[in-house]
């Protein structure tokens, strides 16, 4: 065994002895950190976020080809759909269908609709 291997072995034995002597302190610190993390996370407000996209289609009653559709008509249609999705009756139906504990008013207050 050369000198560097002997020194490494001595250091390793020294570290192992230190860890054995202080094992209670290491375990106690880990448990303290885990307990503190649990306490902090249990007092946080639960926050859920979701996003959804909807593809709106336009059915022209006159049978006009897609290439002839007016973009303003499509934009108005999308705006109408967005406004309808914010109605209390629609929110109430969504709450009922999902069996949520929220009310329709809470759902409307906690949600939003964007047109992009």
PDB file of N, CA and C in Angstrom:
ATOM      1  N   UNK A   1       0.842  -1.168   0.000  1.00  0.00           N
ATOM      2  CA  UNK A   1       0.000   0.000   0.000  1.00  0.00           C
ATOM      3  C   UNK A   1       0.895   1.243   0.000  1.00  0.00           C
ATOM      4  N   UNK A   2       0.658   2.163  -0.933  1.00  0.00           N
ATOM      5  CA  UNK A   2       1.494   3.351  -0.948  1.00  0.00           C
ATOM      6  C   UNK A   2       0.930   4.406   0.006  1.00  0.00           C
ATOM      7  N   UNK A   3       1.606   5.522   0.124  1.00  0.00           N
ATOM      8  CA  UNK A   3       1.270   6.545   1.106  1.00  0.00           C
ATOM      9  C   UNK A   3      -0.094   7.179   0.844  1.00  0.00           C
ATOM     10  N   UNK A   4      -0.396   7.477  -0.417  1.00  0.00           N
ATOM     11  CA  UNK A   4      -1.682   8.133  -0.715  1.00  0.00           C
ATOM     12  C   UNK A   4      -2.854   7.206  -0.421  1.00  0.00           C
ATOM     13  N   UNK A   5      -2.693   5.903  -0.696  1.00  0.00           N
ATOM     14  CA  UNK A   5      -3.762   4.946  -0.374  1.00  0.00           C
ATOM     15  C   UNK A   5      -3.954   4.838   1.126  1.00  0.00           C
ATOM     16  N   UNK A   6      -2.852   4.866   1.879  1.00  0.00           N
ATOM     17  CA  UNK A   6      -2.929   4.780   3.333  1.00  0.00           C
ATOM     18  C   UNK A   6      -3.639   6.012   3.899  1.00  0.00           C
ATOM     19  N   UNK A   7      -3.308   7.192   3.364  1.00  0.00           N
ATOM     20  CA  UNK A   7      -3.939   8.421   3.836  1.00  0.00           C
ATOM     21  C   UNK A   7      -5.437   8.432   3.512  1.00  0.00           C
ATOM     22  N   UNK A   8      -5.783   7.956   2.321  1.00  0.00           N
ATOM     23  CA  UNK A   8      -7.198   7.884   1.935  1.00  0.00           C
ATOM     24  C   UNK A   8      -7.944   6.922   2.848  1.00  0.00           C
ATOM     25  N   UNK A   9      -7.329   5.785   3.142  1.00  0.00           N
ATOM     26  CA  UNK A   9      -7.938   4.807   4.037  1.00  0.00           C
ATOM     27  C   UNK A   9      -8.137   5.366   5.422  1.00  0.00           C
ATOM     28  N   UNK A  10      -7.146   6.121   5.927  1.00  0.00           N
ATOM     29  CA  UNK A  10      -7.248   6.723   7.254  1.00  0.00           C
ATOM     30  C   UNK A  10      -8.364   7.764   7.262  1.00  0.00           C
ATOM     31  N   UNK A  11      -8.442   8.577   6.191  1.00  0.00           N
ATOM     32  CA  UNK A  11      -9.508   9.581   6.114  1.00  0.00           C
ATOM     33  C   UNK A  11     -10.883   8.923   6.055  1.00  0.00           C
ATOM     34  N   UNK A  12     -10.995   7.844   5.284  1.00  0.00           N
ATOM     35  CA  UNK A  12     -12.271   7.136   5.165  1.00  0.00           C
ATOM     36  C   UNK A  12     -12.694   6.567   6.510  1.00  0.00           C
ATOM     37  N   UNK A  13     -11.754   5.976   7.238  1.00  0.00           N
ATOM     38  CA  UNK A  13     -12.055   5.430   8.565  1.00  0.00           C
ATOM     39  C   UNK A  13     -12.447   6.557   9.506  1.00  0.00           C
ATOM     40  N   UNK A  14     -11.786   7.711   9.389  1.00  0.00           N
ATOM     41  CA  UNK A  14     -12.108   8.854  10.233  1.00  0.00           C
ATOM     42  C   UNK A  14     -13.502   9.396   9.949  1.00  0.00           C
ATOM     43  N   UNK A  15     -13.856   9.464   8.681  1.00  0.00           N
ATOM     44  CA  UNK A  15     -15.190   9.932   8.305  1.00  0.00           C
ATOM     45  C   UNK A  15     -16.240   8.946   8.791  1.00  0.00           C
ATOM     46  N   UNK A  16     -15.991   7.668   8.606  1.00  0.00           N
ATOM     47  CA  UNK A  16     -16.948   6.646   9.051  1.00  0.00           C
ATOM     48  C   UNK A  16     -17.138   6.703  10.558  1.00  0.00           C
ATOM     49  N   UNK A  17     -16.071   6.898  11.293  1.00  0.00           N
ATOM     50  CA  UNK A  17     -16.168   7.001  12.751  1.00  0.00           C
ATOM     51  C   UNK A  17     -16.960   8.251  13.143  1.00  0.00           C
ATOM     52  N   UNK A  18     -16.709   9.354  12.456  1.00  0.00           N
ATOM     53  CA  UNK A  18     -17.449  10.588  12.730  1.00  0.00           C
ATOM     54  C   UNK A  18     -18.939  10.393  12.483  1.00  0.00           C
ATOM     55  N   UNK A  19     -19.272   9.761  11.360  1.00  0.00           N
ATOM     56  CA  UNK A  19     -20.682   9.518  11.022  1.00  0.00           C
ATOM     57  C   UNK A  19     -21.322   8.612  12.061  1.00  0.00           C
ATOM     58  N   UNK A  20     -20.609   7.586  12.507  1.00  0.00           N
ATOM     59  CA  UNK A  20     -21.160   6.684  13.541  1.00  0.00           C
ATOM     60  C   UNK A  20     -21.408   7.428  14.844  1.00  0.00           C
ATOM     61  N   UNK A  21     -20.479   8.300  15.228  1.00  0.00           N
ATOM     62  CA  UNK A  21     -20.642   9.050  16.479  1.00  0.00           C
ATOM     63  C   UNK A  21     -21.776  10.061  16.382  1.00  0.00           C
ATOM     64  N   UNK A  22     -21.971  10.615  15.207  1.00  0.00           N
ATOM     65  CA  UNK A  22     -22.966  11.665  15.031  1.00  0.00           C
ATOM     66  C   UNK A  22     -24.220  11.180  14.300  1.00  0.00           C
ATOM     67  N   UNK A  23     -24.420   9.898  14.191  1.00  0.00           N
ATOM     68  CA  UNK A  23     -25.570   9.345  13.458  1.00  0.00           C
ATOM     69  C   UNK A  23     -26.881   9.863  14.036  1.00  0.00           C
ATOM     70  N   UNK A  24     -26.985   9.947  15.355  1.00  0.00           N
ATOM     71  CA  UNK A  24     -28.212  10.436  15.972  1.00  0.00           C
ATOM     72  C   UNK A  24     -28.506  11.869  15.551  1.00  0.00           C
ATOM     73  N   UNK A  25     -27.457  12.676  15.429  1.00  0.00           N
ATOM     74  CA  UNK A  25     -27.639  14.062  15.019  1.00  0.00           C
ATOM     75  C   UNK A  25     -28.082  14.154  13.552  1.00  0.00           C
ATOM     76  N   UNK A  26     -27.525  13.315  12.697  1.00  0.00           N
ATOM     77  CA  UNK A  26     -27.888  13.294  11.281  1.00  0.00           C
ATOM     78  C   UNK A  26     -29.337  12.854  11.118  1.00  0.00           C
ATOM     79  N   UNK A  27     -29.727  11.788  11.821  1.00  0.00           N
ATOM     80  CA  UNK A  27     -31.107  11.286  11.752  1.00  0.00           C
ATOM     81  C   UNK A  27     -32.074  12.313  12.324  1.00  0.00           C
ATOM     82  N   UNK A  28     -31.725  12.929  13.445  1.00  0.00           N
ATOM     83  CA  UNK A  28     -32.579  13.925  14.072  1.00  0.00           C
ATOM     84  C   UNK A  28     -32.767  15.139  13.164  1.00  0.00           C
ATOM     85  N   UNK A  29     -31.719  15.564  12.486  1.00  0.00           N
ATOM     86  CA  UNK A  29     -31.811  16.687  11.546  1.00  0.00           C
ATOM     87  C   UNK A  29     -32.724  16.335  10.375  1.00  0.00           C
ATOM     88  N   UNK A  30     -32.563  15.141   9.819  1.00  0.00           N
ATOM     89  CA  UNK A  30     -33.410  14.716   8.702  1.00  0.00           C
ATOM     90  C   UNK A  30     -34.878  14.650   9.117  1.00  0.00           C
ATOM     91  N   UNK A  31     -35.147  14.110  10.300  1.00  0.00           N
ATOM     92  CA  UNK A  31     -36.532  14.046  10.787  1.00  0.00           C
ATOM     93  C   UNK A  31     -37.098  15.437  11.050  1.00  0.00           C
ATOM     94  N   UNK A  32     -36.270  16.337  11.581  1.00  0.00           N
ATOM     95  CA  UNK A  32     -36.714  17.712  11.826  1.00  0.00           C
ATOM     96  C   UNK A  32     -37.072  18.428  10.538  1.00  0.00           C
ATOM     97  N   UNK A  33     -36.244  18.255   9.525  1.00  0.00           N
ATOM     98  CA  UNK A  33     -36.529  18.876   8.229  1.00  0.00           C
ATOM     99  C   UNK A  33     -37.800  18.293   7.618  1.00  0.00           C
ATOM    100  N   UNK A  34     -37.968  16.982   7.699  1.00  0.00           N
ATOM    101  CA  UNK A  34     -39.173  16.347   7.164  1.00  0.00           C
ATOM    102  C   UNK A  34     -40.418  16.832   7.907  1.00  0.00           C
ATOM    103  N   UNK A  35     -40.343  16.952   9.226  1.00  0.00           N
ATOM    104  CA  UNK A  35     -41.490  17.422  10.010  1.00  0.00           C
ATOM    105  C   UNK A  35     -41.822  18.877   9.671  1.00  0.00           C
ATOM    106  N   UNK A  36     -40.801  19.704   9.558  1.00  0.00           N
ATOM    107  CA  UNK A  36     -41.035  21.115   9.215  1.00  0.00           C
ATOM    108  C   UNK A  36     -41.654  21.242   7.824  1.00  0.00           C
ATOM    109  N   UNK A  37     -41.186  20.440   6.893  1.00  0.00           N
ATOM    110  CA  UNK A  37     -41.744  20.456   5.542  1.00  0.00           C
ATOM    111  C   UNK A  37     -43.206  20.053   5.560  1.00  0.00           C
ATOM    112  N   UNK A  38     -43.538  19.029   6.329  1.00  0.00           N
ATOM    113  CA  UNK A  38     -44.927  18.579   6.431  1.00  0.00           C
ATOM    114  C   UNK A  38     -45.814  19.673   7.030  1.00  0.00           C
ATOM    115  N   UNK A  39     -45.355  20.305   8.094  1.00  0.00           N
ATOM    116  CA  UNK A  39     -46.150  21.339   8.756  1.00  0.00           C
ATOM    117  C   UNK A  39     -46.400  22.512   7.810  1.00  0.00           C
ATOM    118  N   UNK A  40     -45.363  22.962   7.123  1.00  0.00           N
ATOM    119  CA  UNK A  40     -45.516  24.088   6.207  1.00  0.00           C
ATOM    120  C   UNK A  40     -46.443  23.718   5.052  1.00  0.00           C
ATOM    121  N   UNK A  41     -46.268  22.549   4.460  1.00  0.00           N
ATOM    122  CA  UNK A  41     -47.094  22.167   3.314  1.00  0.00           C
ATOM    123  C   UNK A  41     -48.542  21.907   3.706  1.00  0.00           C
ATOM    124  N   UNK A  42     -48.789  21.459   4.914  1.00  0.00           N
ATOM    125  CA  UNK A  42     -50.173  21.197   5.323  1.00  0.00           C
ATOM    126  C   UNK A  42     -50.937  22.489   5.606  1.00  0.00           C
ATOM    127  N   UNK A  43     -50.230  23.580   5.857  1.00  0.00           N
ATOM    128  CA  UNK A  43     -50.889  24.860   6.107  1.00  0.00           C
ATOM    129  C   UNK A  43     -51.036  25.710   4.845  1.00  0.00           C
ATOM    130  N   UNK A  44     -50.491  25.272   3.743  1.00  0.00           N
ATOM    131  CA  UNK A  44     -50.616  26.013   2.495  1.00  0.00           C
ATOM    132  C   UNK A  44     -51.995  25.793   1.891  1.00  0.00           C
ATOM    133  N   UNK A  45     -52.462  26.806   1.190  1.00  0.00           N
ATOM    134  CA  UNK A  45     -53.738  26.692   0.496  1.00  0.00           C
ATOM    135  C   UNK A  45     -53.532  25.827  -0.746  1.00  0.00           C
ATOM    136  N   UNK A  46     -54.427  24.869  -0.931  1.00  0.00           N
ATOM    137  CA  UNK A  46     -54.335  24.011  -2.104  1.00  0.00           C
ATOM    138  C   UNK A  46     -54.723  24.817  -3.332  1.00  0.00           C
ATOM    139  N   UNK A  47     -53.881  24.780  -4.340  1.00  0.00           N
ATOM    140  CA  UNK A  47     -54.122  25.552  -5.547  1.00  0.00           C
ATOM    141  C   UNK A  47     -54.002  24.615  -6.738  1.00  0.00           C
ATOM    142  N   UNK A  48     -55.041  24.563  -7.509  1.00  0.00           N
ATOM    143  CA  UNK A  48     -55.059  23.718  -8.689  1.00  0.00           C
ATOM    144  C   UNK A  48     -55.214  24.598  -9.916  1.00  0.00           C
ATOM    145  N   UNK A  49     -54.546  24.236 -10.952  1.00  0.00           N
ATOM    146  CA  UNK A  49     -54.633  25.008 -12.181  1.00  0.00           C
ATOM    147  C   UNK A  49     -54.783  24.062 -13.353  1.00  0.00           C
ATOM    148  N   UNK A  50     -55.644  24.441 -14.256  1.00  0.00           N
ATOM    149  CA  UNK A  50     -55.845  23.643 -15.460  1.00  0.00           C
ATOM    150  C   UNK A  50     -56.118  24.579 -16.626  1.00  0.00           C
ATOM    151  N   UNK A  51     -55.778  24.121 -17.785  1.00  0.00           N
ATOM    152  CA  UNK A  51     -56.052  24.884 -18.988  1.00  0.00           C
ATOM    153  C   UNK A  51     -56.717  23.963 -19.993  1.00  0.00           C
ATOM    154  N   UNK A  52     -57.597  24.547 -20.765  1.00  0.00           N
ATOM    155  CA  UNK A  52     -58.267  23.776 -21.805  1.00  0.00           C
ATOM    156  C   UNK A  52     -58.390  24.630 -23.048  1.00  0.00           C
ATOM    157  N   UNK A  53     -58.344  23.993 -24.167  1.00  0.00           N
ATOM    158  CA  UNK A  53     -58.531  24.685 -25.442  1.00  0.00           C
ATOM    159  C   UNK A  53     -59.760  24.100 -26.117  1.00  0.00           C
ATOM    160  N   UNK A  54     -60.463  24.946 -26.808  1.00  0.00           N
ATOM    161  CA  UNK A  54     -61.656  24.481 -27.521  1.00  0.00           C
ATOM    162  C   UNK A  54     -61.566  24.924 -28.972  1.00  0.00           C
ATOM    163  N   UNK A  55     -61.866  24.023 -29.845  1.00  0.00           N
ATOM    164  CA  UNK A  55     -61.906  24.335 -31.272  1.00  0.00           C
ATOM    165  C   UNK A  55     -63.348  24.668 -31.626  1.00  0.00           C
ATOM    166  N   UNK A  56     -63.563  25.906 -32.010  1.00  0.00           N
ATOM    167  CA  UNK A  56     -64.902  26.336 -32.370  1.00  0.00           C
ATOM    168  C   UNK A  56     -65.075  26.183 -33.871  1.00  0.00           C
ATOM    169  N   UNK A  57     -66.163  25.559 -34.267  1.00  0.00           N
ATOM    170  CA  UNK A  57     -66.442  25.403 -35.695  1.00  0.00           C
ATOM    171  C   UNK A  57     -67.625  26.278 -36.057  1.00  0.00           C
ATOM    172  N   UNK A  58     -67.634  26.701 -37.262  1.00  0.00           N
ATOM    173  CA  UNK A  58     -68.706  27.565 -37.751  1.00  0.00           C
ATOM    174  C   UNK A  58     -69.433  26.841 -38.861  1.00  0.00           C
ATOM    175  N   UNK A  59     -70.726  26.656 -38.674  1.00  0.00           N
ATOM    176  CA  UNK A  59     -71.532  26.012 -39.706  1.00  0.00           C
ATOM    177  C   UNK A  59     -72.369  27.088 -40.397  1.00  0.00           C
ATOM    178  N   UNK A  60     -72.016  27.358 -41.603  1.00  0.00           N
ATOM    179  CA  UNK A  60     -72.754  28.362 -42.384  1.00  0.00           C
ATOM    180  C   UNK A  60     -74.010  27.705 -42.947  1.00  0.00           C
ATOM    181  N   UNK A  61     -75.136  28.296 -42.652  1.00  0.00           N
ATOM    182  CA  UNK A  61     -76.410  27.731 -43.100  1.00  0.00           C
ATOM    183  C   UNK A  61     -76.565  27.798 -44.612  1.00  0.00           C
ATOM    184  N   UNK A  62     -75.869  28.716 -45.253  1.00  0.00           N
ATOM    185  CA  UNK A  62     -75.991  28.864 -46.703  1.00  0.00           C
ATOM    186  C   UNK A  62     -75.070  27.913 -47.454  1.00  0.00           C
ATOM    187  N   UNK A  63     -74.195  27.199 -46.735  1.00  0.00           N
ATOM    188  CA  UNK A  63     -73.311  26.239 -47.389  1.00  0.00           C
ATOM    189  C   UNK A  63     -72.108  26.877 -48.056  1.00  0.00           C
ATOM    190  N   UNK A  64     -71.672  28.028 -47.586  1.00  0.00           N
ATOM    191  CA  UNK A  64     -70.523  28.714 -48.150  1.00  0.00           C
ATOM    192  C   UNK A  64     -69.248  27.935 -47.843  1.00  0.00           C
ATOM    193  N   UNK A  65     -68.334  27.914 -48.769  1.00  0.00           N
ATOM    194  CA  UNK A  65     -67.065  27.229 -48.569  1.00  0.00           C
ATOM    195  C   UNK A  65     -66.260  27.941 -47.486  1.00  0.00           C
ATOM    196  N   UNK A  66     -65.378  27.184 -46.808  1.00  0.00           N
ATOM    197  CA  UNK A  66     -64.558  27.732 -45.727  1.00  0.00           C
ATOM    198  C   UNK A  66     -63.724  28.910 -46.216  1.00  0.00           C
ATOM    199  N   UNK A  67     -63.224  28.854 -47.435  1.00  0.00           N
ATOM    200  CA  UNK A  67     -62.353  29.919 -47.941  1.00  0.00           C
ATOM    201  C   UNK A  67     -63.088  31.241 -48.082  1.00  0.00           C
ATOM    202  N   UNK A  68     -64.416  31.223 -48.128  1.00  0.00           N
ATOM    203  CA  UNK A  68     -65.180  32.452 -48.309  1.00  0.00           C
ATOM    204  C   UNK A  68     -65.696  33.025 -46.992  1.00  0.00           C
ATOM    205  N   UNK A  69     -65.354  32.396 -45.858  1.00  0.00           N
ATOM    206  CA  UNK A  69     -65.861  32.873 -44.574  1.00  0.00           C
ATOM    207  C   UNK A  69     -65.182  34.169 -44.171  1.00  0.00           C
ATOM    208  N   UNK A  70     -65.934  35.040 -43.601  1.00  0.00           N
ATOM    209  CA  UNK A  70     -65.435  36.322 -43.132  1.00  0.00           C
ATOM    210  C   UNK A  70     -64.797  36.133 -41.754  1.00  0.00           C
ATOM    211  N   UNK A  71     -63.555  36.545 -41.568  1.00  0.00           N
ATOM    212  CA  UNK A  71     -62.902  36.399 -40.259  1.00  0.00           C
ATOM    213  C   UNK A  71     -63.639  37.146 -39.153  1.00  0.00           C
ATOM    214  N   UNK A  72     -64.300  38.233 -39.477  1.00  0.00           N
ATOM    215  CA  UNK A  72     -65.054  38.968 -38.463  1.00  0.00           C
ATOM    216  C   UNK A  72     -66.238  38.156 -37.953  1.00  0.00           C
ATOM    217  N   UNK A  73     -66.863  37.409 -38.841  1.00  0.00           N
ATOM    218  CA  UNK A  73     -67.986  36.546 -38.435  1.00  0.00           C
ATOM    219  C   UNK A  73     -67.475  35.463 -37.486  1.00  0.00           C
ATOM    220  N   UNK A  74     -66.333  34.886 -37.826  1.00  0.00           N
ATOM    221  CA  UNK A  74     -65.749  33.850 -36.966  1.00  0.00           C
ATOM    222  C   UNK A  74     -65.357  34.429 -35.608  1.00  0.00           C
ATOM    223  N   UNK A  75     -64.806  35.629 -35.584  1.00  0.00           N
ATOM    224  CA  UNK A  75     -64.419  36.271 -34.321  1.00  0.00           C
ATOM    225  C   UNK A  75     -65.644  36.565 -33.468  1.00  0.00           C
ATOM    226  N   UNK A  76     -66.722  37.030 -34.102  1.00  0.00           N
ATOM    227  CA  UNK A  76     -67.962  37.273 -33.358  1.00  0.00           C
ATOM    228  C   UNK A  76     -68.509  35.975 -32.778  1.00  0.00           C
ATOM    229  N   UNK A  77     -68.447  34.917 -33.554  1.00  0.00           N
ATOM    230  CA  UNK A  77     -68.920  33.613 -33.085  1.00  0.00           C
ATOM    231  C   UNK A  77     -68.109  33.148 -31.867  1.00  0.00           C
ATOM    232  N   UNK A  78     -66.795  33.303 -31.915  1.00  0.00           N
ATOM    233  CA  UNK A  78     -65.934  32.919 -30.797  1.00  0.00           C
ATOM    234  C   UNK A  78     -66.231  33.764 -29.565  1.00  0.00           C
ATOM    235  N   UNK A  79     -66.454  35.051 -29.759  1.00  0.00           N
ATOM    236  CA  UNK A  79     -66.793  35.938 -28.640  1.00  0.00           C
ATOM    237  C   UNK A  79     -68.113  35.527 -28.008  1.00  0.00           C
ATOM    238  N   UNK A  80     -69.073  35.181 -28.832  1.00  0.00           N
ATOM    239  CA  UNK A  80     -70.367  34.726 -28.319  1.00  0.00           C
ATOM    240  C   UNK A  80     -70.201  33.449 -27.498  1.00  0.00           C
ATOM    241  N   UNK A  81     -69.422  32.509 -28.009  1.00  0.00           N
ATOM    242  CA  UNK A  81     -69.183  31.256 -27.284  1.00  0.00           C
ATOM    243  C   UNK A  81     -68.493  31.519 -25.944  1.00  0.00           C
ATOM    244  N   UNK A  82     -67.530  32.438 -25.928  1.00  0.00           N
ATOM    245  CA  UNK A  82     -66.828  32.778 -24.692  1.00  0.00           C
ATOM    246  C   UNK A  82     -67.779  33.404 -23.683  1.00  0.00           C
ATOM    247  N   UNK A  83     -68.657  34.290 -24.144  1.00  0.00           N
ATOM    248  CA  UNK A  83     -69.631  34.915 -23.246  1.00  0.00           C
ATOM    249  C   UNK A  83     -70.615  33.884 -22.701  1.00  0.00           C
ATOM    250  N   UNK A  84     -71.041  32.965 -23.554  1.00  0.00           N
ATOM    251  CA  UNK A  84     -71.966  31.919 -23.096  1.00  0.00           C
ATOM    252  C   UNK A  84     -71.316  31.026 -22.030  1.00  0.00           C
ATOM    253  N   UNK A  85     -70.022  30.788 -22.167  1.00  0.00           N
ATOM    254  CA  UNK A  85     -69.346  29.921 -21.190  1.00  0.00           C
ATOM    255  C   UNK A  85     -69.251  30.562 -19.810  1.00  0.00           C
ATOM    256  N   UNK A  86     -69.453  31.871 -19.711  1.00  0.00           N
ATOM    257  CA  UNK A  86     -69.383  32.576 -18.433  1.00  0.00           C
ATOM    258  C   UNK A  86     -70.757  32.773 -17.789  1.00  0.00           C
ATOM    259  N   UNK A  87     -71.806  32.194 -18.364  1.00  0.00           N
ATOM    260  CA  UNK A  87     -73.150  32.315 -17.786  1.00  0.00           C
ATOM    261  C   UNK A  87     -73.270  31.455 -16.535  1.00  0.00           C
ATOM    262  N   UNK A  88     -74.061  31.954 -15.579  1.00  0.00           N
ATOM    263  CA  UNK A  88     -74.266  31.212 -14.333  1.00  0.00           C
ATOM    264  C   UNK A  88     -74.914  29.855 -14.590  1.00  0.00           C
ATOM    265  N   UNK A  89     -75.821  29.759 -15.554  1.00  0.00           N
ATOM    266  CA  UNK A  89     -76.493  28.491 -15.857  1.00  0.00           C
ATOM    267  C   UNK A  89     -75.479  27.451 -16.363  1.00  0.00           C
ATOM    268  N   UNK A  90     -74.538  27.896 -17.184  1.00  0.00           N
ATOM    269  CA  UNK A  90     -73.509  26.974 -17.686  1.00  0.00           C
ATOM    270  C   UNK A  90     -72.599  26.542 -16.555  1.00  0.00           C
ATOM    271  N   UNK A  91     -72.211  27.493 -15.688  1.00  0.00           N
ATOM    272  CA  UNK A  91     -71.358  27.163 -14.539  1.00  0.00           C
ATOM    273  C   UNK A  91     -72.078  26.207 -13.592  1.00  0.00           C
ATOM    274  N   UNK A  92     -73.358  26.439 -13.384  1.00  0.00           N
ATOM    275  CA  UNK A  92     -74.147  25.560 -12.508  1.00  0.00           C
ATOM    276  C   UNK A  92     -74.201  24.142 -13.080  1.00  0.00           C
ATOM    277  N   UNK A  93     -74.396  24.040 -14.378  1.00  0.00           N
ATOM    278  CA  UNK A  93     -74.405  22.730 -15.031  1.00  0.00           C
ATOM    279  C   UNK A  93     -73.052  22.036 -14.891  1.00  0.00           C
ATOM    280  N   UNK A  94     -71.969  22.796 -15.036  1.00  0.00           N
ATOM    281  CA  UNK A  94     -70.621  22.221 -14.905  1.00  0.00           C
ATOM    282  C   UNK A  94     -70.378  21.720 -13.490  1.00  0.00           C
ATOM    283  N   UNK A  95     -70.815  22.487 -12.497  1.00  0.00           N
ATOM    284  CA  UNK A  95     -70.650  22.081 -11.091  1.00  0.00           C
ATOM    285  C   UNK A  95     -71.455  20.812 -10.818  1.00  0.00           C
ATOM    286  N   UNK A  96     -72.676  20.760 -11.329  1.00  0.00           N
ATOM    287  CA  UNK A  96     -73.531  19.587 -11.122  1.00  0.00           C
ATOM    288  C   UNK A  96     -72.939  18.350 -11.784  1.00  0.00           C
ATOM    289  N   UNK A  97     -72.483  18.485 -13.014  1.00  0.00           N
ATOM    290  CA  UNK A  97     -71.943  17.328 -13.747  1.00  0.00           C
ATOM    291  C   UNK A  97     -70.645  16.795 -13.152  1.00  0.00           C
ATOM    292  N   UNK A  98     -69.852  17.660 -12.570  1.00  0.00           N
ATOM    293  CA  UNK A  98     -68.581  17.217 -11.989  1.00  0.00           C
ATOM    294  C   UNK A  98     -68.705  16.862 -10.515  1.00  0.00           C
ATOM    295  N   UNK A  99     -69.882  17.045  -9.946  1.00  0.00           N
ATOM    296  CA  UNK A  99     -70.133  16.761  -8.526  1.00  0.00           C
ATOM    297  C   UNK A  99     -69.142  17.502  -7.641  1.00  0.00           C
ATOM    298  N   UNK A 100     -68.908  18.766  -7.983  1.00  0.00           N
ATOM    299  CA  UNK A 100     -67.960  19.596  -7.248  1.00  0.00           C
ATOM    300  C   UNK A 100     -68.601  20.141  -5.984  1.00  0.00           C
ATOM    301  N   UNK A 101     -67.779  20.434  -4.988  1.00  0.00           N
ATOM    302  CA  UNK A 101     -68.284  21.044  -3.761  1.00  0.00           C
ATOM    303  C   UNK A 101     -68.415  22.559  -3.911  1.00  0.00           C
ATOM    304  N   UNK A 102     -67.935  23.099  -5.015  1.00  0.00           N
ATOM    305  CA  UNK A 102     -68.025  24.539  -5.269  1.00  0.00           C
ATOM    306  C   UNK A 102     -69.425  24.900  -5.758  1.00  0.00           C
ATOM    307  N   UNK A 103     -69.730  26.173  -5.607  1.00  0.00           N
ATOM    308  CA  UNK A 103     -70.976  26.684  -6.172  1.00  0.00           C
ATOM    309  C   UNK A 103     -70.671  27.262  -7.553  1.00  0.00           C
ATOM    310  N   UNK A 104     -71.724  27.555  -8.289  1.00  0.00           N
ATOM    311  CA  UNK A 104     -71.540  28.157  -9.617  1.00  0.00           C
ATOM    312  C   UNK A 104     -70.849  29.510  -9.491  1.00  0.00           C
ATOM    313  N   UNK A 105     -71.197  30.281  -8.470  1.00  0.00           N
ATOM    314  CA  UNK A 105     -70.569  31.594  -8.269  1.00  0.00           C
ATOM    315  C   UNK A 105     -69.074  31.452  -7.982  1.00  0.00           C
ATOM    316  N   UNK A 106     -68.707  30.445  -7.168  1.00  0.00           N
ATOM    317  CA  UNK A 106     -67.290  30.218  -6.881  1.00  0.00           C
ATOM    318  C   UNK A 106     -66.537  29.816  -8.150  1.00  0.00           C
ATOM    319  N   UNK A 107     -67.147  28.953  -8.948  1.00  0.00           N
ATOM    320  CA  UNK A 107     -66.506  28.523 -10.186  1.00  0.00           C
ATOM    321  C   UNK A 107     -66.265  29.713 -11.111  1.00  0.00           C
ATOM    322  N   UNK A 108     -67.252  30.566 -11.240  1.00  0.00           N
ATOM    323  CA  UNK A 108     -67.093  31.746 -12.102  1.00  0.00           C
ATOM    324  C   UNK A 108     -66.037  32.698 -11.549  1.00  0.00           C
ATOM    325  N   UNK A 109     -65.967  32.825 -10.216  1.00  0.00           N
ATOM    326  CA  UNK A 109     -64.984  33.727  -9.609  1.00  0.00           C
ATOM    327  C   UNK A 109     -63.559  33.184  -9.752  1.00  0.00           C
ATOM    328  N   UNK A 110     -63.422  31.855  -9.782  1.00  0.00           N
ATOM    329  CA  UNK A 110     -62.096  31.234  -9.800  1.00  0.00           C
ATOM    330  C   UNK A 110     -61.643  30.815 -11.191  1.00  0.00           C
ATOM    331  N   UNK A 111     -62.417  31.151 -12.215  1.00  0.00           N
ATOM    332  CA  UNK A 111     -62.055  30.734 -13.565  1.00  0.00           C
ATOM    333  C   UNK A 111     -62.119  31.926 -14.515  1.00  0.00           C
ATOM    334  N   UNK A 112     -61.566  31.731 -15.676  1.00  0.00           N
ATOM    335  CA  UNK A 112     -61.588  32.802 -16.671  1.00  0.00           C
ATOM    336  C   UNK A 112     -61.574  32.187 -18.071  1.00  0.00           C
ATOM    337  N   UNK A 113     -61.930  32.999 -19.053  1.00  0.00           N
ATOM    338  CA  UNK A 113     -61.951  32.568 -20.449  1.00  0.00           C
ATOM    339  C   UNK A 113     -61.180  33.601 -21.252  1.00  0.00           C
ATOM    340  N   UNK A 114     -60.256  33.130 -22.089  1.00  0.00           N
ATOM    341  CA  UNK A 114     -59.486  34.016 -22.959  1.00  0.00           C
ATOM    342  C   UNK A 114     -59.720  33.638 -24.402  1.00  0.00           C
ATOM    343  N   UNK A 115     -59.754  34.631 -25.224  1.00  0.00           N
ATOM    344  CA  UNK A 115     -59.832  34.405 -26.670  1.00  0.00           C
ATOM    345  C   UNK A 115     -58.453  34.660 -27.243  1.00  0.00           C
ATOM    346  N   UNK A 116     -57.915  33.663 -27.919  1.00  0.00           N
ATOM    347  CA  UNK A 116     -56.585  33.852 -28.530  1.00  0.00           C
ATOM    348  C   UNK A 116     -56.645  33.550 -30.006  1.00  0.00           C
TER     349      UNK A 116
END
